[in-house]
Amino acid sequence: MKKTAVALPLLAAFLLSGCVSLNEEKILPDTPVQLYPAAQQLKGSQPAQLYVETQLTVSDTPLRSRTFQRVAEVAGPAVVSIYVRTETPVKVRLIPIKLPFTGIPARLPGIGLGSGFFIHPKGYVLSNEHVIRNAAEIRVMSQSGTDYIAKVVATDPVYDLALLKVDAPNKLPFPFLPMGDSTAIRGGDHVIAVGNPLGFGHTVTAGIISHTGRSLFEEKEGHGRYVRYIQTDAAINPGSSGGPLITLTGSWIGLNTAQIANSQGIGFTVPSSQVREFLGNVLEGESQSVE
């Protein structure tokens, strides 16, 4: 753990940014949740050992001039910027002709960035799976500039979710965001998004819920699991992926994940109801293990 002063990694953002533009889905819907060795200590634990829930998701309190500011101030310390050093498996051809068995396995180095947030004071961080895919090293930076090494606990390629763990210095608790109930929100509810777009850490944007239960791909009965996204017009840009979508009560109800390419005001968020399902699989320890 250390504090660092990092120049804006704009080049990294353009090389490999933590945000996806939606097109054809490449992950098979029946791909299982992946459990890493760090998940063993969670097997059989109660949900309260992994995340904190709140019953207060939507507020009926009228908007005031500084409502968004207060929510952003409370949420900010729990949101982190994620920087990744990647090694992507590739095959290098020795000759410029595509023939069987002509490729040599290799790893292509790269860098990337994204967002995440603490869901428990013990240091559990939630982000997108595509943010940390093929990661050789994951670094998490807090709002104060404190830098941590993170390890992967579990991933869900279908729901595009990743659970990470960082260790607290001197066992001090981390600031965290409580999970709200995404089934309680409706179109028109106000929300804010916090993330690391293009390396501009802890950027706050605001908007409304545009739609809930949005299905973006053709679903085939019995073919597997699908995300039913929350659609929002709160800005989601490259590097924002993995950051929280937060209601005016300060609870997160989704994980900012994707945008429609060449569009404005059309972003998509994995709802907390499906994140809860993913975390339940982690606690049960019945998914596919990864060495």
Protein backbone atom coordinates (compact mmCIF):
# COMPACT_ATOMS: atom_id res chain seq x y z
CA MET A 1 0.00 0.00 0.00
CA LYS A 2 1.37 3.39 -0.95
CA LYS A 3 0.31 6.84 -2.03
CA THR A 4 1.22 7.81 -5.57
CA ALA A 5 0.84 10.82 -7.81
CA VAL A 6 -0.26 9.51 -11.19
CA ALA A 7 -0.39 11.61 -14.36
CA LEU A 8 -3.62 11.28 -16.28
CA PRO A 9 -3.25 7.98 -18.14
CA LEU A 10 -5.07 9.15 -21.28
CA LEU A 11 -2.90 7.02 -23.54
CA ALA A 12 -3.79 3.97 -21.46
CA ALA A 13 -7.43 4.86 -21.75
CA PHE A 14 -7.32 4.78 -25.51
CA LEU A 15 -5.21 1.62 -25.64
CA LEU A 16 -7.53 -0.40 -23.45
CA SER A 17 -10.34 1.37 -21.65
CA GLY A 18 -12.69 -0.09 -19.08
CA CYS A 19 -15.93 0.41 -20.95
CA VAL A 20 -17.54 -1.69 -23.64
CA SER A 21 -19.57 -0.62 -26.63
CA LEU A 22 -22.39 -3.05 -27.11
CA ASN A 23 -22.43 -5.20 -30.19
CA GLU A 24 -22.60 -8.97 -30.64
CA GLU A 25 -22.33 -10.83 -27.33
CA LYS A 26 -19.21 -13.02 -27.27
CA ILE A 27 -19.63 -14.67 -23.87
CA LEU A 28 -21.81 -17.78 -23.94
CA PRO A 29 -24.85 -17.43 -21.63
CA ASP A 30 -24.07 -20.74 -19.90
CA THR A 31 -20.51 -19.76 -18.92
CA PRO A 32 -20.16 -20.45 -15.17
CA VAL A 33 -18.96 -18.14 -12.42
CA GLN A 34 -15.19 -18.47 -11.91
CA LEU A 35 -13.93 -18.88 -8.32
CA TYR A 36 -10.28 -18.13 -7.55
CA PRO A 37 -8.29 -19.39 -4.52
CA ALA A 38 -9.13 -16.22 -2.56
CA ALA A 39 -12.79 -17.29 -2.63
CA GLN A 40 -12.18 -20.32 -0.42
CA GLN A 41 -12.31 -18.27 2.78
CA LEU A 42 -15.80 -17.05 1.85
CA LYS A 43 -17.36 -20.45 1.24
CA GLY A 44 -20.27 -20.97 3.62
CA SER A 45 -20.12 -17.41 4.97
CA GLN A 46 -23.17 -15.26 5.52
CA PRO A 47 -23.92 -12.43 3.05
CA ALA A 48 -23.07 -9.82 5.70
CA GLN A 49 -19.46 -11.03 5.56
CA LEU A 50 -19.21 -9.98 1.92
CA TYR A 51 -21.54 -7.04 1.33
CA VAL A 52 -23.80 -4.66 3.22
CA GLU A 53 -27.44 -4.13 2.24
CA THR A 54 -29.79 -1.27 2.99
CA GLN A 55 -33.57 -1.18 3.06
CA LEU A 56 -33.55 2.47 1.98
CA THR A 57 -33.18 2.60 -1.80
CA VAL A 58 -35.48 5.34 -3.10
CA SER A 59 -36.17 8.56 -1.22
CA ASP A 60 -39.37 10.61 -1.37
CA THR A 61 -37.51 13.68 -0.10
CA PRO A 62 -37.78 16.62 -2.53
CA LEU A 63 -34.63 17.54 -4.42
CA ARG A 64 -32.67 20.40 -2.92
CA SER A 65 -29.88 22.47 -4.38
CA ARG A 66 -27.08 20.40 -2.84
CA THR A 67 -28.62 16.92 -2.84
CA PHE A 68 -26.29 15.56 -5.53
CA GLN A 69 -23.29 17.17 -3.89
CA ARG A 70 -24.01 15.49 -0.55
CA VAL A 71 -24.44 12.07 -2.15
CA ALA A 72 -21.22 12.49 -4.13
CA GLU A 73 -19.29 13.51 -1.01
CA VAL A 74 -20.49 10.45 0.89
CA ALA A 75 -19.95 8.03 -2.00
CA GLY A 76 -16.58 9.36 -3.17
CA PRO A 77 -14.29 7.66 -0.63
CA ALA A 78 -15.79 4.23 -1.45
CA VAL A 79 -15.16 4.51 -5.21
CA VAL A 80 -11.77 3.49 -6.63
CA SER A 81 -9.87 3.78 -9.89
CA ILE A 82 -8.53 0.49 -11.23
CA TYR A 83 -5.35 0.20 -13.29
CA VAL A 84 -4.51 -3.12 -14.92
CA ARG A 85 -1.41 -4.60 -16.52
CA THR A 86 -2.62 -7.29 -18.90
CA GLU A 87 -1.13 -10.28 -20.69
CA THR A 88 -3.46 -11.42 -23.45
CA PRO A 89 -2.89 -14.92 -24.91
CA VAL A 90 -2.16 -14.76 -28.66
CA LYS A 91 -0.59 -16.93 -31.34
CA VAL A 92 2.29 -15.53 -33.37
CA ARG A 93 2.65 -16.87 -36.91
CA LEU A 94 6.15 -17.61 -38.15
CA ILE A 95 5.07 -17.30 -41.78
CA PRO A 96 2.49 -14.93 -43.30
CA ILE A 97 0.33 -17.82 -44.47
CA LYS A 98 -2.56 -19.06 -42.36
CA LEU A 99 -1.87 -22.76 -41.95
CA PRO A 100 -2.69 -25.21 -39.15
CA PHE A 101 -0.13 -25.40 -36.34
CA THR A 102 1.86 -22.38 -37.56
CA GLY A 103 1.23 -20.21 -34.51
CA ILE A 104 3.44 -20.01 -31.44
CA PRO A 105 1.63 -19.25 -28.16
CA ALA A 106 2.62 -15.89 -26.71
CA ARG A 107 1.30 -13.20 -24.37
CA LEU A 108 0.67 -9.69 -25.60
CA PRO A 109 1.32 -7.07 -22.87
CA GLY A 110 -1.08 -4.18 -22.42
CA ILE A 111 -2.52 -1.70 -19.96
CA GLY A 112 -6.06 -0.75 -19.07
CA LEU A 113 -8.17 1.19 -16.64
CA GLY A 114 -11.61 1.11 -15.12
CA SER A 115 -13.54 1.77 -11.96
CA GLY A 116 -14.79 -0.11 -8.92
CA PHE A 117 -16.11 0.42 -5.41
CA PHE A 118 -15.94 -1.11 -1.95
CA ILE A 119 -19.00 -3.13 -0.93
CA HIS A 120 -17.68 -4.18 2.49
CA PRO A 121 -15.35 -2.59 5.08
CA LYS A 122 -13.05 -5.64 4.88
CA GLY A 123 -11.84 -4.56 1.45
CA TYR A 124 -14.06 -6.35 -1.07
CA VAL A 125 -14.28 -4.39 -4.31
CA LEU A 126 -16.81 -4.83 -7.11
CA SER A 127 -15.98 -4.11 -10.75
CA ASN A 128 -16.61 -5.43 -14.27
CA GLU A 129 -15.04 -8.64 -15.50
CA HIS A 130 -13.95 -6.99 -18.75
CA VAL A 131 -11.98 -4.40 -16.76
CA ILE A 132 -9.66 -7.02 -15.22
CA ARG A 133 -9.76 -9.69 -17.96
CA ASN A 134 -6.31 -11.23 -18.65
CA ALA A 135 -4.85 -9.17 -15.80
CA ALA A 136 -1.30 -9.90 -14.69
CA GLU A 137 -1.49 -7.17 -12.04
CA ILE A 138 -4.39 -5.12 -10.67
CA ARG A 139 -3.86 -1.87 -8.78
CA VAL A 140 -6.65 -0.06 -6.96
CA MET A 141 -6.37 3.64 -6.16
CA SER A 142 -8.60 5.34 -3.60
CA GLN A 143 -9.87 8.91 -3.69
CA SER A 144 -7.05 9.93 -1.34
CA GLY A 145 -4.44 8.57 -3.76
CA THR A 146 -3.63 5.46 -1.72
CA ASP A 147 -2.55 2.62 -4.01
CA TYR A 148 -3.27 -1.07 -3.30
CA ILE A 149 -2.56 -4.36 -5.03
CA ALA A 150 -5.81 -6.30 -5.56
CA LYS A 151 -6.36 -10.01 -6.05
CA VAL A 152 -9.26 -11.62 -7.90
CA VAL A 153 -11.79 -13.49 -5.77
CA ALA A 154 -14.34 -14.42 -8.44
CA THR A 155 -15.58 -13.39 -11.87
CA ASP A 156 -18.78 -13.85 -13.85
CA PRO A 157 -18.15 -13.42 -17.60
CA VAL A 158 -21.88 -13.57 -18.42
CA TYR A 159 -22.98 -10.84 -16.01
CA ASP A 160 -19.62 -9.07 -16.56
CA LEU A 161 -18.85 -8.92 -12.84
CA ALA A 162 -15.62 -9.23 -10.87
CA LEU A 163 -15.06 -9.41 -7.11
CA LEU A 164 -11.65 -8.22 -5.92
CA LYS A 165 -9.98 -8.09 -2.50
CA VAL A 166 -7.49 -5.61 -1.10
CA ASP A 167 -5.99 -5.75 2.37
CA ALA A 168 -6.43 -2.84 4.76
CA PRO A 169 -3.37 -1.27 6.40
CA ASN A 170 -3.40 -2.03 10.11
CA LYS A 171 -6.74 -3.82 9.56
CA LEU A 172 -8.57 -0.49 9.34
CA PRO A 173 -12.05 -0.64 7.75
CA PHE A 174 -12.53 0.68 4.22
CA PRO A 175 -15.31 3.13 3.36
CA PHE A 176 -18.03 1.29 1.47
CA LEU A 177 -21.37 1.73 -0.26
CA PRO A 178 -24.47 -0.21 0.87
CA MET A 179 -26.36 -2.24 -1.71
CA GLY A 180 -29.84 -1.01 -2.59
CA ASP A 181 -32.72 -2.90 -4.18
CA SER A 182 -32.69 -2.37 -7.95
CA THR A 183 -36.22 -3.79 -8.22
CA ALA A 184 -37.51 -0.75 -6.29
CA ILE A 185 -36.41 1.85 -8.83
CA ARG A 186 -38.54 3.18 -11.68
CA GLY A 187 -38.05 5.23 -14.80
CA GLY A 188 -37.47 8.87 -13.90
CA ASP A 189 -35.69 8.22 -10.58
CA HIS A 190 -32.61 10.40 -10.13
CA VAL A 191 -29.20 8.70 -9.97
CA ILE A 192 -25.52 9.61 -10.04
CA ALA A 193 -22.59 7.69 -11.51
CA VAL A 194 -19.04 7.89 -10.15
CA GLY A 195 -16.05 6.53 -12.03
CA ASN A 196 -12.67 6.94 -13.71
CA PRO A 197 -13.49 7.95 -17.32
CA LEU A 198 -10.36 8.30 -19.48
CA GLY A 199 -8.31 8.37 -16.29
CA PHE A 200 -10.10 11.38 -14.81
CA GLY A 201 -10.59 9.76 -11.41
CA HIS A 202 -13.71 10.23 -9.29
CA THR A 203 -15.74 11.95 -11.98
CA VAL A 204 -19.38 12.45 -10.95
CA THR A 205 -22.22 12.53 -13.49
CA ALA A 206 -25.95 12.71 -12.88
CA GLY A 207 -29.06 11.57 -14.71
CA ILE A 208 -32.23 9.56 -14.41
CA ILE A 209 -33.31 5.97 -14.84
CA SER A 210 -34.42 5.70 -18.47
CA HIS A 211 -35.66 2.11 -18.37
CA THR A 212 -35.35 -1.06 -16.28
CA GLY A 213 -35.14 -4.72 -17.27
CA ARG A 214 -33.64 -3.89 -20.64
CA SER A 215 -32.66 -6.99 -22.65
CA LEU A 216 -30.02 -6.19 -25.24
CA PHE A 217 -29.53 -9.55 -26.89
CA GLU A 218 -31.86 -12.16 -28.29
CA GLU A 219 -32.73 -14.52 -25.47
CA LYS A 220 -33.21 -18.20 -26.18
CA GLU A 221 -35.27 -20.22 -23.75
CA GLY A 222 -33.17 -22.62 -21.70
CA HIS A 223 -29.96 -21.29 -23.24
CA GLY A 224 -28.50 -19.75 -20.10
CA ARG A 225 -28.32 -16.51 -18.15
CA TYR A 226 -28.84 -12.98 -19.47
CA VAL A 227 -28.39 -9.54 -17.97
CA ARG A 228 -31.48 -7.38 -17.67
CA TYR A 229 -29.86 -3.98 -17.65
CA ILE A 230 -30.86 -0.69 -16.11
CA GLN A 231 -30.72 1.99 -18.80
CA THR A 232 -29.63 5.47 -17.71
CA ASP A 233 -28.72 8.78 -19.29
CA ALA A 234 -26.03 9.44 -16.65
CA ALA A 235 -22.80 9.65 -18.64
CA ILE A 236 -20.86 6.36 -18.88
CA ASN A 237 -17.57 6.73 -20.75
CA PRO A 238 -14.43 4.62 -21.35
CA GLY A 239 -12.95 3.99 -17.91
CA SER A 240 -16.30 4.38 -16.13
CA SER A 241 -17.02 0.66 -16.25
CA GLY A 242 -17.22 -0.92 -12.82
CA GLY A 243 -18.29 2.25 -11.05
CA PRO A 244 -21.52 2.43 -9.07
CA LEU A 245 -24.89 3.83 -10.09
CA ILE A 246 -26.17 5.46 -6.90
CA THR A 247 -29.59 6.67 -5.81
CA LEU A 248 -30.12 9.85 -3.81
CA THR A 249 -30.22 7.77 -0.61
CA GLY A 250 -26.53 6.89 -1.13
CA SER A 251 -27.14 3.22 -1.93
CA TRP A 252 -25.84 1.63 -5.13
CA ILE A 253 -28.37 -0.13 -7.34
CA GLY A 254 -26.16 -1.08 -10.27
CA LEU A 255 -22.72 -1.45 -11.81
CA ASN A 256 -22.04 0.85 -14.78
CA THR A 257 -21.00 -1.40 -17.63
CA ALA A 258 -21.58 -0.29 -21.22
CA GLN A 259 -22.67 2.32 -23.68
CA ILE A 260 -24.09 2.26 -27.19
CA ALA A 261 -21.31 3.20 -29.60
CA ASN A 262 -21.61 6.70 -31.11
CA SER A 263 -24.57 7.56 -28.91
CA GLN A 264 -25.24 10.08 -26.18
CA GLY A 265 -27.22 9.42 -23.04
CA ILE A 266 -27.65 5.67 -23.56
CA GLY A 267 -25.74 3.76 -20.90
CA PHE A 268 -26.34 0.39 -19.29
CA THR A 269 -25.89 -0.88 -15.76
CA VAL A 270 -25.95 -4.40 -14.30
CA PRO A 271 -28.67 -4.27 -11.60
CA SER A 272 -27.87 -5.04 -7.97
CA SER A 273 -30.40 -7.89 -8.03
CA GLN A 274 -28.17 -9.80 -10.44
CA VAL A 275 -25.01 -8.77 -8.58
CA ARG A 276 -26.59 -10.31 -5.47
CA GLU A 277 -27.08 -13.54 -7.40
CA PHE A 278 -23.39 -13.53 -8.38
CA LEU A 279 -22.25 -12.90 -4.80
CA GLY A 280 -24.54 -15.69 -3.61
CA ASN A 281 -22.76 -18.10 -5.95
CA VAL A 282 -19.44 -16.99 -4.48
CA LEU A 283 -20.64 -17.66 -0.93
CA GLU A 284 -22.00 -21.07 -1.88
CA GLY A 285 -18.70 -22.01 -3.51
CA GLU A 286 -20.41 -24.21 -6.08
CA SER A 287 -19.09 -22.57 -9.24
CA GLN A 288 -16.12 -23.47 -11.41
CA SER A 289 -12.77 -23.16 -9.63
CA VAL A 290 -9.75 -21.50 -11.22
CA GLU A 291 -6.23 -22.28 -10.06
